[in-house]
Amino acid sequence: MTQAFILPDLGEGIHEAEIQDIRVAVGDAVHEDQIILVLETDKAVVEVPSPYSGIVADICVAVGNVVHVGES
């Protein structure tokens, strides 16, 4: 079963963030709570963990993209 990763609420009224680093690649096995993204908001640099365990099927973003809370 495929599960989309939705950018979670990062707190403190933050609605978007820029992707600084993607720490997984297509085909990688990941486990729940493994850091998969590093994002920069207007307030901080945030490491984002995976909410799931599984195999990465696709990566729909790139370093430098700005993503919004709730986007996959």
PDB file of N, CA and C in Angstrom:
ATOM      1  N   MET A   1       0.832  -1.177   0.000  1.00  0.00           N
ATOM      2  CA  MET A   1       0.000   0.000   0.000  1.00  0.00           C
ATOM      3  C   MET A   1       0.885   1.252   0.000  1.00  0.00           C
ATOM      4  N   THR A   2       0.590   2.190  -0.848  1.00  0.00           N
ATOM      5  CA  THR A   2       1.342   3.440  -0.931  1.00  0.00           C
ATOM      6  C   THR A   2       0.731   4.472   0.000  1.00  0.00           C
ATOM      7  N   GLN A   3       1.592   5.176   0.740  1.00  0.00           N
ATOM      8  CA  GLN A   3       1.137   6.246   1.617  1.00  0.00           C
ATOM      9  C   GLN A   3       1.891   7.511   1.250  1.00  0.00           C
ATOM     10  N   ALA A   4       1.157   8.602   1.045  1.00  0.00           N
ATOM     11  CA  ALA A   4       1.787   9.880   0.736  1.00  0.00           C
ATOM     12  C   ALA A   4       2.264  10.536   2.023  1.00  0.00           C
ATOM     13  N   PHE A   5       3.401  11.185   1.941  1.00  0.00           N
ATOM     14  CA  PHE A   5       3.901  11.961   3.069  1.00  0.00           C
ATOM     15  C   PHE A   5       3.338  13.364   2.927  1.00  0.00           C
ATOM     16  N   ILE A   6       2.616  13.814   3.926  1.00  0.00           N
ATOM     17  CA  ILE A   6       2.031  15.154   3.955  1.00  0.00           C
ATOM     18  C   ILE A   6       2.852  15.983   4.936  1.00  0.00           C
ATOM     19  N   LEU A   7       3.294  17.165   4.502  1.00  0.00           N
ATOM     20  CA  LEU A   7       4.081  18.008   5.400  1.00  0.00           C
ATOM     21  C   LEU A   7       3.247  18.346   6.623  1.00  0.00           C
ATOM     22  N   PRO A   8       3.728  17.967   7.807  1.00  0.00           N
ATOM     23  CA  PRO A   8       2.960  18.212   9.027  1.00  0.00           C
ATOM     24  C   PRO A   8       3.007  19.673   9.452  1.00  0.00           C
ATOM     25  N   ASP A   9       2.115  20.021  10.373  1.00  0.00           N
ATOM     26  CA  ASP A   9       2.123  21.346  10.979  1.00  0.00           C
ATOM     27  C   ASP A   9       3.442  21.494  11.726  1.00  0.00           C
ATOM     28  N   LEU A  10       4.202  22.512  11.407  1.00  0.00           N
ATOM     29  CA  LEU A  10       5.513  22.714  12.017  1.00  0.00           C
ATOM     30  C   LEU A  10       5.440  23.586  13.260  1.00  0.00           C
ATOM     31  N   GLY A  11       4.243  24.057  13.605  1.00  0.00           N
ATOM     32  CA  GLY A  11       4.033  24.838  14.822  1.00  0.00           C
ATOM     33  C   GLY A  11       4.273  26.320  14.641  1.00  0.00           C
ATOM     34  N   GLU A  12       3.922  27.064  15.661  1.00  0.00           N
ATOM     35  CA  GLU A  12       4.154  28.503  15.757  1.00  0.00           C
ATOM     36  C   GLU A  12       3.673  29.296  14.547  1.00  0.00           C
ATOM     37  N   GLY A  13       2.561  28.889  13.948  1.00  0.00           N
ATOM     38  CA  GLY A  13       1.997  29.634  12.827  1.00  0.00           C
ATOM     39  C   GLY A  13       2.792  29.547  11.543  1.00  0.00           C
ATOM     40  N   ILE A  14       3.663  28.556  11.418  1.00  0.00           N
ATOM     41  CA  ILE A  14       4.473  28.400  10.210  1.00  0.00           C
ATOM     42  C   ILE A  14       3.644  27.666   9.162  1.00  0.00           C
ATOM     43  N   HIS A  15       3.577  28.240   7.960  1.00  0.00           N
ATOM     44  CA  HIS A  15       2.743  27.686   6.907  1.00  0.00           C
ATOM     45  C   HIS A  15       3.543  27.136   5.726  1.00  0.00           C
ATOM     46  N   GLU A  16       4.834  27.476   5.652  1.00  0.00           N
ATOM     47  CA  GLU A  16       5.658  26.996   4.546  1.00  0.00           C
ATOM     48  C   GLU A  16       7.101  26.879   4.992  1.00  0.00           C
ATOM     49  N   ALA A  17       7.871  26.106   4.220  1.00  0.00           N
ATOM     50  CA  ALA A  17       9.284  25.915   4.519  1.00  0.00           C
ATOM     51  C   ALA A  17      10.021  25.587   3.229  1.00  0.00           C
ATOM     52  N   GLU A  18      11.312  25.899   3.201  1.00  0.00           N
ATOM     53  CA  GLU A  18      12.150  25.567   2.048  1.00  0.00           C
ATOM     54  C   GLU A  18      12.923  24.292   2.339  1.00  0.00           C
ATOM     55  N   ILE A  19      12.954  23.397   1.379  1.00  0.00           N
ATOM     56  CA  ILE A  19      13.674  22.140   1.545  1.00  0.00           C
ATOM     57  C   ILE A  19      15.171  22.403   1.430  1.00  0.00           C
ATOM     58  N   GLN A  20      15.899  22.042   2.489  1.00  0.00           N
ATOM     59  CA  GLN A  20      17.351  22.215   2.537  1.00  0.00           C
ATOM     60  C   GLN A  20      18.095  20.929   2.200  1.00  0.00           C
ATOM     61  N   ASP A  21      17.504  19.773   2.575  1.00  0.00           N
ATOM     62  CA  ASP A  21      18.169  18.496   2.349  1.00  0.00           C
ATOM     63  C   ASP A  21      17.121  17.391   2.301  1.00  0.00           C
ATOM     64  N   ILE A  22      17.297  16.459   1.400  1.00  0.00           N
ATOM     65  CA  ILE A  22      16.456  15.264   1.325  1.00  0.00           C
ATOM     66  C   ILE A  22      17.376  14.101   1.664  1.00  0.00           C
ATOM     67  N   ARG A  23      17.073  13.405   2.747  1.00  0.00           N
ATOM     68  CA  ARG A  23      17.987  12.389   3.267  1.00  0.00           C
ATOM     69  C   ARG A  23      17.638  10.966   2.859  1.00  0.00           C
ATOM     70  N   VAL A  24      16.743  10.825   1.890  1.00  0.00           N
ATOM     71  CA  VAL A  24      16.393   9.501   1.367  1.00  0.00           C
ATOM     72  C   VAL A  24      16.391   9.573  -0.153  1.00  0.00           C
ATOM     73  N   ALA A  25      16.416   8.407  -0.782  1.00  0.00           N
ATOM     74  CA  ALA A  25      16.343   8.302  -2.239  1.00  0.00           C
ATOM     75  C   ALA A  25      15.300   7.248  -2.583  1.00  0.00           C
ATOM     76  N   VAL A  26      14.818   7.298  -3.814  1.00  0.00           N
ATOM     77  CA  VAL A  26      13.871   6.290  -4.275  1.00  0.00           C
ATOM     78  C   VAL A  26      14.500   4.909  -4.090  1.00  0.00           C
ATOM     79  N   GLY A  27      13.718   4.001  -3.508  1.00  0.00           N
ATOM     80  CA  GLY A  27      14.190   2.644  -3.255  1.00  0.00           C
ATOM     81  C   GLY A  27      14.756   2.422  -1.862  1.00  0.00           C
ATOM     82  N   ASP A  28      15.028   3.504  -1.136  1.00  0.00           N
ATOM     83  CA  ASP A  28      15.554   3.368   0.226  1.00  0.00           C
ATOM     84  C   ASP A  28      14.497   2.804   1.166  1.00  0.00           C
ATOM     85  N   ALA A  29      14.936   1.968   2.080  1.00  0.00           N
ATOM     86  CA  ALA A  29      14.076   1.519   3.177  1.00  0.00           C
ATOM     87  C   ALA A  29      14.164   2.570   4.280  1.00  0.00           C
ATOM     88  N   VAL A  30      13.037   2.973   4.816  1.00  0.00           N
ATOM     89  CA  VAL A  30      13.010   3.926   5.924  1.00  0.00           C
ATOM     90  C   VAL A  30      12.190   3.335   7.058  1.00  0.00           C
ATOM     91  N   HIS A  31      12.466   3.802   8.241  1.00  0.00           N
ATOM     92  CA  HIS A  31      11.687   3.362   9.392  1.00  0.00           C
ATOM     93  C   HIS A  31      11.022   4.570  10.037  1.00  0.00           C
ATOM     94  N   GLU A  32       9.955   4.314  10.754  1.00  0.00           N
ATOM     95  CA  GLU A  32       9.222   5.371  11.438  1.00  0.00           C
ATOM     96  C   GLU A  32      10.185   6.161  12.315  1.00  0.00           C
ATOM     97  N   ASP A  33      10.066   7.477  12.273  1.00  0.00           N
ATOM     98  CA  ASP A  33      10.875   8.436  13.043  1.00  0.00           C
ATOM     99  C   ASP A  33      12.270   8.674  12.478  1.00  0.00           C
ATOM    100  N   GLN A  34      12.628   8.057  11.350  1.00  0.00           N
ATOM    101  CA  GLN A  34      13.905   8.347  10.690  1.00  0.00           C
ATOM    102  C   GLN A  34      13.802   9.730  10.053  1.00  0.00           C
ATOM    103  N   ILE A  35      14.834  10.543  10.191  1.00  0.00           N
ATOM    104  CA  ILE A  35      14.847  11.878   9.585  1.00  0.00           C
ATOM    105  C   ILE A  35      14.931  11.716   8.066  1.00  0.00           C
ATOM    106  N   ILE A  36      13.945  12.302   7.349  1.00  0.00           N
ATOM    107  CA  ILE A  36      13.919  12.182   5.892  1.00  0.00           C
ATOM    108  C   ILE A  36      14.098  13.514   5.181  1.00  0.00           C
ATOM    109  N   LEU A  37      13.768  14.619   5.855  1.00  0.00           N
ATOM    110  CA  LEU A  37      13.890  15.954   5.260  1.00  0.00           C
ATOM    111  C   LEU A  37      14.480  16.924   6.265  1.00  0.00           C
ATOM    112  N   VAL A  38      15.177  17.928   5.745  1.00  0.00           N
ATOM    113  CA  VAL A  38      15.589  19.065   6.557  1.00  0.00           C
ATOM    114  C   VAL A  38      14.982  20.286   5.885  1.00  0.00           C
ATOM    115  N   LEU A  39      14.202  21.043   6.658  1.00  0.00           N
ATOM    116  CA  LEU A  39      13.494  22.207   6.146  1.00  0.00           C
ATOM    117  C   LEU A  39      13.959  23.456   6.862  1.00  0.00           C
ATOM    118  N   GLU A  40      13.909  24.584   6.165  1.00  0.00           N
ATOM    119  CA  GLU A  40      14.198  25.862   6.791  1.00  0.00           C
ATOM    120  C   GLU A  40      12.944  26.719   6.730  1.00  0.00           C
ATOM    121  N   THR A  41      12.506  27.170   7.887  1.00  0.00           N
ATOM    122  CA  THR A  41      11.370  28.090   7.963  1.00  0.00           C
ATOM    123  C   THR A  41      11.924  29.477   8.224  1.00  0.00           C
ATOM    124  N   ASP A  42      11.044  30.444   8.364  1.00  0.00           N
ATOM    125  CA  ASP A  42      11.524  31.791   8.675  1.00  0.00           C
ATOM    126  C   ASP A  42      12.028  31.891  10.113  1.00  0.00           C
ATOM    127  N   LYS A  43      11.837  30.816  10.902  1.00  0.00           N
ATOM    128  CA  LYS A  43      12.245  30.845  12.306  1.00  0.00           C
ATOM    129  C   LYS A  43      13.338  29.845  12.671  1.00  0.00           C
ATOM    130  N   ALA A  44      13.456  28.736  11.933  1.00  0.00           N
ATOM    131  CA  ALA A  44      14.391  27.683  12.354  1.00  0.00           C
ATOM    132  C   ALA A  44      14.650  26.685  11.236  1.00  0.00           C
ATOM    133  N   VAL A  45      15.673  25.872  11.445  1.00  0.00           N
ATOM    134  CA  VAL A  45      15.924  24.713  10.596  1.00  0.00           C
ATOM    135  C   VAL A  45      15.334  23.517  11.339  1.00  0.00           C
ATOM    136  N   VAL A  46      14.506  22.726  10.621  1.00  0.00           N
ATOM    137  CA  VAL A  46      13.748  21.653  11.248  1.00  0.00           C
ATOM    138  C   VAL A  46      14.050  20.330  10.561  1.00  0.00           C
ATOM    139  N   GLU A  47      14.371  19.292  11.340  1.00  0.00           N
ATOM    140  CA  GLU A  47      14.512  17.945  10.806  1.00  0.00           C
ATOM    141  C   GLU A  47      13.146  17.276  10.890  1.00  0.00           C
ATOM    142  N   VAL A  48      12.689  16.702   9.781  1.00  0.00           N
ATOM    143  CA  VAL A  48      11.354  16.101   9.722  1.00  0.00           C
ATOM    144  C   VAL A  48      11.476  14.579   9.645  1.00  0.00           C
ATOM    145  N   PRO A  49      10.880  13.881  10.617  1.00  0.00           N
ATOM    146  CA  PRO A  49      10.928  12.425  10.615  1.00  0.00           C
ATOM    147  C   PRO A  49       9.812  11.808   9.775  1.00  0.00           C
ATOM    148  N   SER A  50      10.026  10.582   9.349  1.00  0.00           N
ATOM    149  CA  SER A  50       8.995   9.847   8.615  1.00  0.00           C
ATOM    150  C   SER A  50       7.932   9.342   9.591  1.00  0.00           C
ATOM    151  N   PRO A  51       6.666   9.502   9.235  1.00  0.00           N
ATOM    152  CA  PRO A  51       5.604   8.946  10.084  1.00  0.00           C
ATOM    153  C   PRO A  51       5.368   7.464   9.792  1.00  0.00           C
ATOM    154  N   TYR A  52       6.045   6.908   8.783  1.00  0.00           N
ATOM    155  CA  TYR A  52       5.821   5.535   8.343  1.00  0.00           C
ATOM    156  C   TYR A  52       7.137   4.779   8.207  1.00  0.00           C
ATOM    157  N   SER A  53       7.033   3.470   8.212  1.00  0.00           N
ATOM    158  CA  SER A  53       8.135   2.598   7.804  1.00  0.00           C
ATOM    159  C   SER A  53       7.785   2.061   6.426  1.00  0.00           C
ATOM    160  N   GLY A  54       8.784   1.849   5.578  1.00  0.00           N
ATOM    161  CA  GLY A  54       8.516   1.302   4.254  1.00  0.00           C
ATOM    162  C   GLY A  54       9.637   1.593   3.290  1.00  0.00           C
ATOM    163  N   ILE A  55       9.315   1.553   2.002  1.00  0.00           N
ATOM    164  CA  ILE A  55      10.268   1.793   0.925  1.00  0.00           C
ATOM    165  C   ILE A  55       9.844   3.077   0.203  1.00  0.00           C
ATOM    166  N   VAL A  56      10.798   3.965  -0.068  1.00  0.00           N
ATOM    167  CA  VAL A  56      10.498   5.215  -0.771  1.00  0.00           C
ATOM    168  C   VAL A  56      10.196   4.886  -2.232  1.00  0.00           C
ATOM    169  N   ALA A  57       8.977   5.204  -2.680  1.00  0.00           N
ATOM    170  CA  ALA A  57       8.554   4.904  -4.045  1.00  0.00           C
ATOM    171  C   ALA A  57       8.790   6.074  -4.995  1.00  0.00           C
ATOM    172  N   ASP A  58       8.732   7.302  -4.479  1.00  0.00           N
ATOM    173  CA  ASP A  58       8.859   8.485  -5.332  1.00  0.00           C
ATOM    174  C   ASP A  58       9.214   9.672  -4.450  1.00  0.00           C
ATOM    175  N   ILE A  59       9.918  10.623  -5.005  1.00  0.00           N
ATOM    176  CA  ILE A  59      10.200  11.880  -4.317  1.00  0.00           C
ATOM    177  C   ILE A  59       9.703  12.992  -5.235  1.00  0.00           C
ATOM    178  N   CYS A  60       8.761  13.761  -4.741  1.00  0.00           N
ATOM    179  CA  CYS A  60       8.063  14.755  -5.568  1.00  0.00           C
ATOM    180  C   CYS A  60       8.560  16.179  -5.353  1.00  0.00           C
ATOM    181  N   VAL A  61       9.625  16.351  -4.589  1.00  0.00           N
ATOM    182  CA  VAL A  61      10.177  17.670  -4.303  1.00  0.00           C
ATOM    183  C   VAL A  61      11.680  17.642  -4.539  1.00  0.00           C
ATOM    184  N   ALA A  62      12.278  18.821  -4.516  1.00  0.00           N
ATOM    185  CA  ALA A  62      13.725  18.938  -4.686  1.00  0.00           C
ATOM    186  C   ALA A  62      14.259  19.975  -3.711  1.00  0.00           C
ATOM    187  N   VAL A  63      15.545  19.901  -3.435  1.00  0.00           N
ATOM    188  CA  VAL A  63      16.185  20.908  -2.590  1.00  0.00           C
ATOM    189  C   VAL A  63      15.921  22.276  -3.215  1.00  0.00           C
ATOM    190  N   GLY A  64      15.527  23.220  -2.372  1.00  0.00           N
ATOM    191  CA  GLY A  64      15.224  24.572  -2.829  1.00  0.00           C
ATOM    192  C   GLY A  64      13.744  24.828  -3.033  1.00  0.00           C
ATOM    193  N   ASN A  65      12.940  23.759  -3.156  1.00  0.00           N
ATOM    194  CA  ASN A  65      11.487  23.941  -3.289  1.00  0.00           C
ATOM    195  C   ASN A  65      10.917  24.497  -1.993  1.00  0.00           C
ATOM    196  N   VAL A  66       9.892  25.324  -2.132  1.00  0.00           N
ATOM    197  CA  VAL A  66       9.125  25.790  -0.977  1.00  0.00           C
ATOM    198  C   VAL A  66       7.867  24.947  -0.930  1.00  0.00           C
ATOM    199  N   VAL A  67       7.621  24.344   0.236  1.00  0.00           N
ATOM    200  CA  VAL A  67       6.446  23.497   0.426  1.00  0.00           C
ATOM    201  C   VAL A  67       5.565  24.104   1.501  1.00  0.00           C
ATOM    202  N   HIS A  68       4.275  23.831   1.409  1.00  0.00           N
ATOM    203  CA  HIS A  68       3.302  24.361   2.350  1.00  0.00           C
ATOM    204  C   HIS A  68       2.768  23.247   3.239  1.00  0.00           C
ATOM    205  N   VAL A  69       2.464  23.568   4.471  1.00  0.00           N
ATOM    206  CA  VAL A  69       1.881  22.598   5.400  1.00  0.00           C
ATOM    207  C   VAL A  69       0.643  21.982   4.746  1.00  0.00           C
ATOM    208  N   GLY A  70       0.547  20.667   4.799  1.00  0.00           N
ATOM    209  CA  GLY A  70      -0.584  19.954   4.212  1.00  0.00           C
ATOM    210  C   GLY A  70      -0.347  19.467   2.802  1.00  0.00           C
ATOM    211  N   GLU A  71       0.752  19.893   2.160  1.00  0.00           N
ATOM    212  CA  GLU A  71       1.072  19.410   0.814  1.00  0.00           C
ATOM    213  C   GLU A  71       1.790  18.081   0.878  1.00  0.00           C
ATOM    214  N   SER A  72       1.614  17.282  -0.175  1.00  0.00           N
ATOM    215  CA  SER A  72       2.341  16.006  -0.248  1.00  0.00           C
ATOM    216  C   SER A  72       3.464  16.125  -1.249  1.00  0.00           C
TER     217      SER A  72
END
